[in-house]
C-alpha atoms as a PDB file:
ATOM      1  CA  MET A   1       0.000   0.000   0.000  1.00  0.00           C
ATOM      2  CA  LEU A   2       1.363   3.388  -1.018  1.00  0.00           C
ATOM      3  CA  ALA A   3       0.256   6.294   1.149  1.00  0.00           C
ATOM      4  CA  LEU A   4       1.877   9.684   0.770  1.00  0.00           C
ATOM      5  CA  SER A   5       1.400  12.811   2.757  1.00  0.00           C
ATOM      6  CA  LEU A   6       2.024  16.273   1.364  1.00  0.00           C
ATOM      7  CA  ASP A   7       5.248  16.621   3.356  1.00  0.00           C
ATOM      8  CA  GLN A   8       6.520  13.211   2.150  1.00  0.00           C
ATOM      9  CA  THR A   9       7.267  14.115  -1.431  1.00  0.00           C
ATOM     10  CA  PHE A  10      10.124  11.764  -2.274  1.00  0.00           C
ATOM     11  CA  PHE A  11       9.311   8.115  -2.955  1.00  0.00           C
ATOM     12  CA  ARG A  12      10.230   5.103  -5.067  1.00  0.00           C
ATOM     13  CA  GLN A  13       7.738   3.728  -7.564  1.00  0.00           C
ATOM     14  CA  ALA A  14       7.585   0.718  -9.874  1.00  0.00           C
ATOM     15  CA  ASP A  15       8.547   1.415 -13.501  1.00  0.00           C
ATOM     16  CA  SER A  16       8.526  -1.402 -16.091  1.00  0.00           C
ATOM     17  CA  ARG A  17      10.779   0.458 -18.547  1.00  0.00           C
ATOM     18  CA  ALA A  18      13.517   1.283 -16.021  1.00  0.00           C
ATOM     19  CA  ASP A  19      16.556  -1.012 -15.743  1.00  0.00           C
ATOM     20  CA  ASP A  20      16.016  -1.880 -12.088  1.00  0.00           C
ATOM     21  CA  GLY A  21      12.211  -1.798 -12.391  1.00  0.00           C
ATOM     22  CA  ALA A  22      11.829   1.336 -10.270  1.00  0.00           C
ATOM     23  CA  ARG A  23      12.072   5.091 -10.487  1.00  0.00           C
ATOM     24  CA  ASP A  24      12.499   7.842  -7.918  1.00  0.00           C
ATOM     25  CA  VAL A  25       9.843  10.539  -7.862  1.00  0.00           C
ATOM     26  CA  PHE A  26      10.096  13.932  -6.171  1.00  0.00           C
ATOM     27  CA  ILE A  27       6.944  16.084  -5.998  1.00  0.00           C
ATOM     28  CA  ASP A  28       7.072  19.732  -5.077  1.00  0.00           C
ATOM     29  CA  GLN A  29       4.286  22.303  -5.203  1.00  0.00           C
ATOM     30  CA  SER A  30       5.522  23.608  -8.543  1.00  0.00           C
ATOM     31  CA  GLU A  31       7.310  20.650 -10.161  1.00  0.00           C
ATOM     32  CA  VAL A  32       7.639  16.880 -10.455  1.00  0.00           C
ATOM     33  CA  ILE A  33      11.052  15.250 -10.921  1.00  0.00           C
ATOM     34  CA  ILE A  34      11.331  11.654 -12.149  1.00  0.00           C
ATOM     35  CA  ALA A  35      14.731   9.952 -11.991  1.00  0.00           C
ATOM     36  CA  ARG A  36      15.379   6.515 -13.545  1.00  0.00           C
ATOM     37  CA  ARG A  37      17.911   4.485 -15.525  1.00  0.00           C
ATOM     38  CA  VAL A  38      16.938   3.181 -18.973  1.00  0.00           C
ATOM     39  CA  SER A  39      19.386   1.046 -21.014  1.00  0.00           C
ATOM     40  CA  GLY A  40      22.226   2.089 -18.711  1.00  0.00           C
ATOM     41  CA  VAL A  41      21.557   5.803 -19.175  1.00  0.00           C
ATOM     42  CA  ARG A  42      20.633   7.764 -16.072  1.00  0.00           C
ATOM     43  CA  MET A  43      17.991  10.369 -16.690  1.00  0.00           C
ATOM     44  CA  ARG A  44      16.278  12.962 -14.613  1.00  0.00           C
ATOM     45  CA  ILE A  45      13.105  14.496 -16.001  1.00  0.00           C
ATOM     46  CA  ARG A  46      11.847  17.739 -14.506  1.00  0.00           C
ATOM     47  CA  LEU A  47       8.241  18.677 -15.300  1.00  0.00           C
ATOM     48  CA  ALA A  48       6.211  21.668 -14.165  1.00  0.00           C
ATOM     49  CA  ALA A  49       3.193  20.680 -12.062  1.00  0.00           C
ATOM     50  CA  ARG A  50       0.940  22.559 -14.488  1.00  0.00           C
ATOM     51  CA  ALA A  51       2.057  20.170 -17.269  1.00  0.00           C
ATOM     52  CA  TYR A  52      -0.114  17.494 -15.631  1.00  0.00           C
ATOM     53  CA  ARG A  53      -3.807  17.249 -16.510  1.00  0.00           C
ATOM     54  CA  GLY A  54      -4.914  16.786 -12.926  1.00  0.00           C
ATOM     55  CA  VAL A  55      -5.298  14.508  -9.915  1.00  0.00           C
ATOM     56  CA  VAL A  56      -7.397  11.464 -10.821  1.00  0.00           C
ATOM     57  CA  LEU A  57      -9.355   9.155  -8.523  1.00  0.00           C
ATOM     58  CA  THR A  58      -9.911   5.707 -10.043  1.00  0.00           C
ATOM     59  CA  LEU A  59     -12.105   2.883  -8.747  1.00  0.00           C
ATOM     60  CA  ASP A  60     -10.959  -0.578  -9.877  1.00  0.00           C
ATOM     61  CA  ARG A  61     -11.543  -4.166  -8.818  1.00  0.00           C
ATOM     62  CA  ASP A  62      -8.607  -6.142  -7.469  1.00  0.00           C
ATOM     63  CA  ALA A  63      -7.975  -9.860  -8.139  1.00  0.00           C
ATOM     64  CA  ALA A  64     -10.249 -10.857  -5.255  1.00  0.00           C
ATOM     65  CA  GLY A  65     -13.123  -8.751  -6.637  1.00  0.00           C
ATOM     66  CA  ARG A  66     -12.940  -6.073  -3.938  1.00  0.00           C
ATOM     67  CA  ASP A  67     -12.988  -2.357  -4.614  1.00  0.00           C
ATOM     68  CA  ALA A  68      -9.559  -0.766  -4.987  1.00  0.00           C
ATOM     69  CA  PHE A  69      -9.011   2.981  -5.123  1.00  0.00           C
ATOM     70  CA  ARG A  70      -6.064   4.583  -6.900  1.00  0.00           C
ATOM     71  CA  LEU A  71      -5.062   8.230  -6.751  1.00  0.00           C
ATOM     72  CA  SER A  72      -2.742   9.388  -9.520  1.00  0.00           C
ATOM     73  CA  LEU A  73      -1.233  12.445 -11.112  1.00  0.00           C
ATOM     74  CA  VAL A  74      -2.044  12.131 -14.829  1.00  0.00           C
ATOM     75  CA  HIS A  75       0.159  13.464 -17.619  1.00  0.00           C
ATOM     76  CA  PRO A  76      -0.707  13.331 -21.362  1.00  0.00           C
ATOM     77  CA  ASP A  77       2.358  11.058 -21.773  1.00  0.00           C
ATOM     78  CA  ARG A  78       1.594   7.950 -19.660  1.00  0.00           C
ATOM     79  CA  ASP A  79       5.299   7.457 -18.816  1.00  0.00           C
ATOM     80  CA  PHE A  80       5.198  10.611 -16.699  1.00  0.00           C
ATOM     81  CA  SER A  81       1.998   9.765 -14.791  1.00  0.00           C
ATOM     82  CA  VAL A  82       2.590   9.124 -11.077  1.00  0.00           C
ATOM     83  CA  THR A  83       0.561   7.012  -8.633  1.00  0.00           C
ATOM     84  CA  LEU A  84       0.104   8.961  -5.398  1.00  0.00           C
ATOM     85  CA  ASP A  85      -1.982   6.554  -3.301  1.00  0.00           C
ATOM     86  CA  GLU A  86      -3.639   3.149  -3.446  1.00  0.00           C
ATOM     87  CA  ALA A  87      -6.200   1.935  -0.930  1.00  0.00           C
ATOM     88  CA  SER A  88      -8.813  -0.777  -0.488  1.00  0.00           C
ATOM     89  CA  ASP A  89     -11.243   1.477   1.394  1.00  0.00           C
ATOM     90  CA  ASP A  90     -12.388   5.041   0.817  1.00  0.00           C
ATOM     91  CA  SER A  91     -11.756   6.298   4.346  1.00  0.00           C
ATOM     92  CA  ASN A  92      -8.901   8.706   3.522  1.00  0.00           C
ATOM     93  CA  ILE A  93      -8.611   8.533  -0.241  1.00  0.00           C
ATOM     94  CA  VAL A  94     -11.076  11.374  -0.929  1.00  0.00           C
ATOM     95  CA  ALA A  95      -9.358  13.648   1.591  1.00  0.00           C
ATOM     96  CA  ASN A  96      -5.971  12.869   0.002  1.00  0.00           C
ATOM     97  CA  TRP A  97      -7.435  13.520  -3.451  1.00  0.00           C
ATOM     98  CA  LYS A  98      -8.647  16.980  -2.443  1.00  0.00           C
ATOM     99  CA  SER A  99      -5.412  17.773  -0.601  1.00  0.00           C
ATOM    100  CA  TRP A 100      -3.143  16.834  -3.514  1.00  0.00           C
ATOM    101  CA  ALA A 101      -5.292  18.791  -5.977  1.00  0.00           C
ATOM    102  CA  ALA A 102      -5.194  21.883  -3.760  1.00  0.00           C
ATOM    103  CA  HIS A 103      -1.465  21.499  -3.019  1.00  0.00           C
ATOM    104  CA  LEU A 104      -0.512  21.259  -6.698  1.00  0.00           C
ATOM    105  CA  GLY A 105      -3.209  23.656  -7.964  1.00  0.00           C
ATOM    106  CA  LEU A 106      -4.587  21.056 -10.383  1.00  0.00           C
ATOM    107  CA  PRO A 107      -8.171  20.045 -11.183  1.00  0.00           C
ATOM    108  CA  LYS A 108      -9.769  16.888  -9.765  1.00  0.00           C
ATOM    109  CA  PHE A 109     -10.978  14.135 -12.098  1.00  0.00           C
ATOM    110  CA  ILE A 110     -12.783  10.830 -11.657  1.00  0.00           C
ATOM    111  CA  GLU A 111     -11.975   7.924 -13.963  1.00  0.00           C
ATOM    112  CA  ARG A 112     -15.026   5.645 -14.204  1.00  0.00           C
ATOM    113  CA  GLN A 113     -13.986   3.915 -17.450  1.00  0.00           C
ATOM    114  CA  PRO A 114     -10.316   3.405 -18.411  1.00  0.00           C
ATOM    115  CA  GLY A 115      -9.073   6.491 -20.257  1.00  0.00           C
ATOM    116  CA  GLN A 116     -12.283   8.520 -19.745  1.00  0.00           C
ATOM    117  CA  LEU A 117     -11.753  11.348 -17.272  1.00  0.00           C
ATOM    118  CA  GLU A 118     -14.773  13.101 -15.840  1.00  0.00           C
ATOM    119  CA  GLY A 119     -14.334  16.469 -14.146  1.00  0.00           C
ATOM    120  CA  ALA A 120     -15.266  16.452 -10.476  1.00  0.00           C
ATOM    121  CA  GLU A 121     -15.912  20.189 -10.500  1.00  0.00           C
ATOM    122  CA  ARG A 122     -17.072  22.697 -13.066  1.00  0.00           C
ATOM    123  CA  ARG A 123     -14.164  24.638 -14.566  1.00  0.00           C
ATOM    124  CA  LEU A 124     -13.568  27.362 -17.101  1.00  0.00           C
ATOM    125  CA  GLY A 125      -9.937  26.867 -18.067  1.00  0.00           C
ATOM    126  CA  SER A 126      -7.985  26.887 -14.819  1.00  0.00           C
ATOM    127  CA  LEU A 127     -10.751  28.717 -12.947  1.00  0.00           C
ATOM    128  CA  ALA A 128     -13.060  26.607 -10.757  1.00  0.00           C
ATOM    129  CA  LEU A 129     -16.688  27.643 -11.113  1.00  0.00           C
ATOM    130  CA  GLY A 130     -19.194  27.486  -8.284  1.00  0.00           C
ATOM    131  CA  THR A 131     -22.032  29.342  -6.681  1.00  0.00           C
ATOM    132  CA  ALA A 132     -21.316  32.889  -5.605  1.00  0.00           C
ATOM    133  CA  ARG A 133     -21.527  33.716  -1.935  1.00  0.00           C
ATOM    134  CA  VAL A 134     -24.171  36.257  -1.049  1.00  0.00           C
ATOM    135  CA  LEU A 135     -22.784  38.697   1.479  1.00  0.00           C
ATOM    136  CA  ARG A 136     -25.425  39.886   3.939  1.00  0.00           C
ATOM    137  CA  ARG A 137     -24.810  42.435   6.653  1.00  0.00           C
ATOM    138  CA  ARG A 138     -26.309  41.963  10.075  1.00  0.00           C
ATOM    139  CA  GLY A 139     -29.047  39.665   8.795  1.00  0.00           C
ATOM    140  CA  GLY A 140     -31.435  42.575   8.105  1.00  0.00           C
ATOM    141  CA  THR A 141     -33.535  43.120   5.053  1.00  0.00           C
ATOM    142  CA  ILE A 142     -32.410  45.615   2.456  1.00  0.00           C
ATOM    143  CA  ALA A 143     -34.989  48.242   3.487  1.00  0.00           C
ATOM    144  CA  LYS A 144     -33.729  48.292   7.097  1.00  0.00           C
ATOM    145  CA  ARG A 145     -30.058  48.647   6.210  1.00  0.00           C
ATOM    146  CA  ARG A 146     -27.952  51.654   6.845  1.00  0.00           C
ATOM    147  CA  GLY A 147     -24.644  52.278   5.140  1.00  0.00           C
ATOM    148  CA  ARG A 148     -21.320  51.319   6.684  1.00  0.00           C
ATOM    149  CA  LEU A 149     -20.450  54.766   8.097  1.00  0.00           C
ATOM    150  CA  PRO A 150     -23.893  55.619   9.509  1.00  0.00           C
ATOM    151  CA  LEU A 151     -23.860  52.279  11.322  1.00  0.00           C
ATOM    152  CA  ARG A 152     -20.981  53.603  13.438  1.00  0.00           C
ATOM    153  CA  ARG A 153     -22.700  56.886  14.310  1.00  0.00           C
ATOM    154  CA  LYS A 154     -25.440  57.308  16.821  1.00  0.00           C
ATOM    155  CA  ILE A 155     -28.749  58.612  15.584  1.00  0.00           C
ATOM    156  CA  GLY A 156     -29.429  62.097  16.939  1.00  0.00           C
ATOM    157  CA  ASP A 157     -32.453  63.108  18.998  1.00  0.00           C
ATOM    158  CA  VAL A 158     -34.622  65.223  16.674  1.00  0.00           C
ATOM    159  CA  ALA A 159     -36.912  66.448  19.486  1.00  0.00           C
ATOM    160  CA  ARG A 160     -34.043  68.229  21.298  1.00  0.00           C
ATOM    161  CA  PRO A 161     -31.850  70.251  18.942  1.00  0.00           C
ATOM    162  CA  ARG A 162     -28.376  71.037  20.240  1.00  0.00           C
ATOM    163  CA  ASP A 163     -27.293  74.586  20.967  1.00  0.00           C
ATOM    164  CA  VAL A 164     -24.609  75.671  18.553  1.00  0.00           C
ATOM    165  CA  LEU A 165     -22.511  78.703  19.307  1.00  0.00           C
ATOM    166  CA  SER A 166     -21.164  80.914  16.574  1.00  0.00           C
ATOM    167  CA  GLU A 167     -18.082  79.833  14.683  1.00  0.00           C
ATOM    168  CA  ARG A 168     -16.047  82.527  16.405  1.00  0.00           C
ATOM    169  CA  CYS A 169     -16.807  81.043  19.818  1.00  0.00           C
ATOM    170  CA  ILE A 170     -15.933  77.538  18.762  1.00  0.00           C
ATOM    171  CA  ILE A 171     -12.593  78.465  17.146  1.00  0.00           C
ATOM    172  CA  SER A 172     -11.301  80.775  19.886  1.00  0.00           C
ATOM    173  CA  GLY A 173     -12.791  79.001  22.867  1.00  0.00           C
ATOM    174  CA  TRP A 174     -14.592  82.190  23.854  1.00  0.00           C
ATOM    175  CA  GLU A 175     -17.989  81.347  25.329  1.00  0.00           C
ATOM    176  CA  GLY A 176     -19.677  84.578  24.417  1.00  0.00           C
ATOM    177  CA  PRO A 177     -20.863  87.657  26.362  1.00  0.00           C
ATOM    178  CA  GLY A 178     -22.049  87.080  29.873  1.00  0.00           C
ATOM    179  CA  ALA A 179     -20.778  83.553  30.176  1.00  0.00           C
END
């Protein structure tokens, strides 16, 4: 069972084309590095994370007929695709799927039939679409609302107007004749 966390980004994975049958994979937030040896030649392939199509959740049947979940990072060239997690139950696989997609900034896909990816969320290019949040202030209806600044001020008492002295008294501090 392969289970990776976001902080564990270096792992060894099976590779049928490599000389020793394995490759080393390093995943960072912005890139994926695959190192392997093919026909005696060591190679290190560095790919930008955005070069991948997305994080794919696949439901398969194992040899015993039980459900098997696979989480993978899919590239248009199958040699560069990386398996991130495999599990026999769905307890943590969906959380890992969402975490990897958010960490790498890639869309989430579900593979129901081999080779047919179905988007798990509505997207317009790299932008995820969803319902807009309606911002309401203080739970009141629109007719009862006051603007942002008047909400901070106290409402004056109309029945008792305040005494205002002349401007000259206010500026100089003079309280007027007979004070």
